[in-house]
Amino acid sequence: MTWIHYIIIYCVVSAVLFLCLRLYNRNNEQRSNKFGIKEWAVLIFMAPIFIVTSPIWLTYILITDFRDKRANKKREMEEERKDNELKAKIGLRPDENYLCFSRMGGAGAIECMECGYKEKITSFTHGAYSCTIGRQCPNCHAFVYEHNESEHYHTFGKADEDFVCKHCGTVIRKKEEDILKGNDDPLFCPKCHSPRLRYHMHYIT
C-alpha cells in the first residue's frame, strides 16, 4: 500500500471512532446532544499523539515505499541482465524471446522459424490424479514426456526414479530433483538446434 492508502485508513478509523462515541453519548442516561466527555477525551489525549507521531509514520511509510520500489527495480534489472546473458549465449538478440515450457501450456505444435521444422508436442496437461509434463533432452533435443502420477491432486516434488530420454538414454532429471526442473530452460529445434521457435497451442487443460 502507498502512503495515500494509510491516510485514507486513518481518516476512516477516526471517523468511525468519533461516530461511535457520539452515538454512545446520545444514548446515555442524560440524553444529551452536547459534545460529550469521551469525545473531549479523544480530542485532548489522542489528537496530540496523532499530530506528533504523524510525521514519523508518514516518513516511515514514504521511506519504506521508496526502498521497496528501489529493491523491485534492482531485482528487475538483475533478472533482465541474466535474461539478456542467456539470450546472448543461445544466439538471440535482447529484443527476441525464447520458448520454454513454463511459458507454454496444454498441447500444440512448435515451428522453427529458421528451418521450418514442425512437431506436435505436449507442454503440460493434467487429469484427476496425473500430469503429463513436457521435456526436451539436452543431448539429442528430442521432445519427450514425463508422466507424474500421485494420490494427491497436483502434487509436485521428487519422483521415484530418474527420468531418462527414450531416444538416447540421457538422464534428464534425477529422482531426487523436483519434477518441474528445467521448466524455464530454453527450447531448441530438434533439427537445426535454433532457439527461434513459435508455439501454436491446440488445447489446454
Foldseek 3Di string as FASTA:
>chain_A
DALVVVVVVVVVVVVVVLVVVQVVVCPDPVNDNDDDPVNVVCCVPVVVVCVVCVVVVSVVRVVVVVVVVVVVVVVVVVVLVVLQVVCVVQPHHSVDDFDFLVVDFAWFKKAAPPPGDIDTAGDWADDAFKIKHWDADPPQRDIDIDIGGDPDGPDWAFAPAFDADPPPGHGPGGRRGIPCPRRPPGHADSPPRHRRMDTDHDDHD
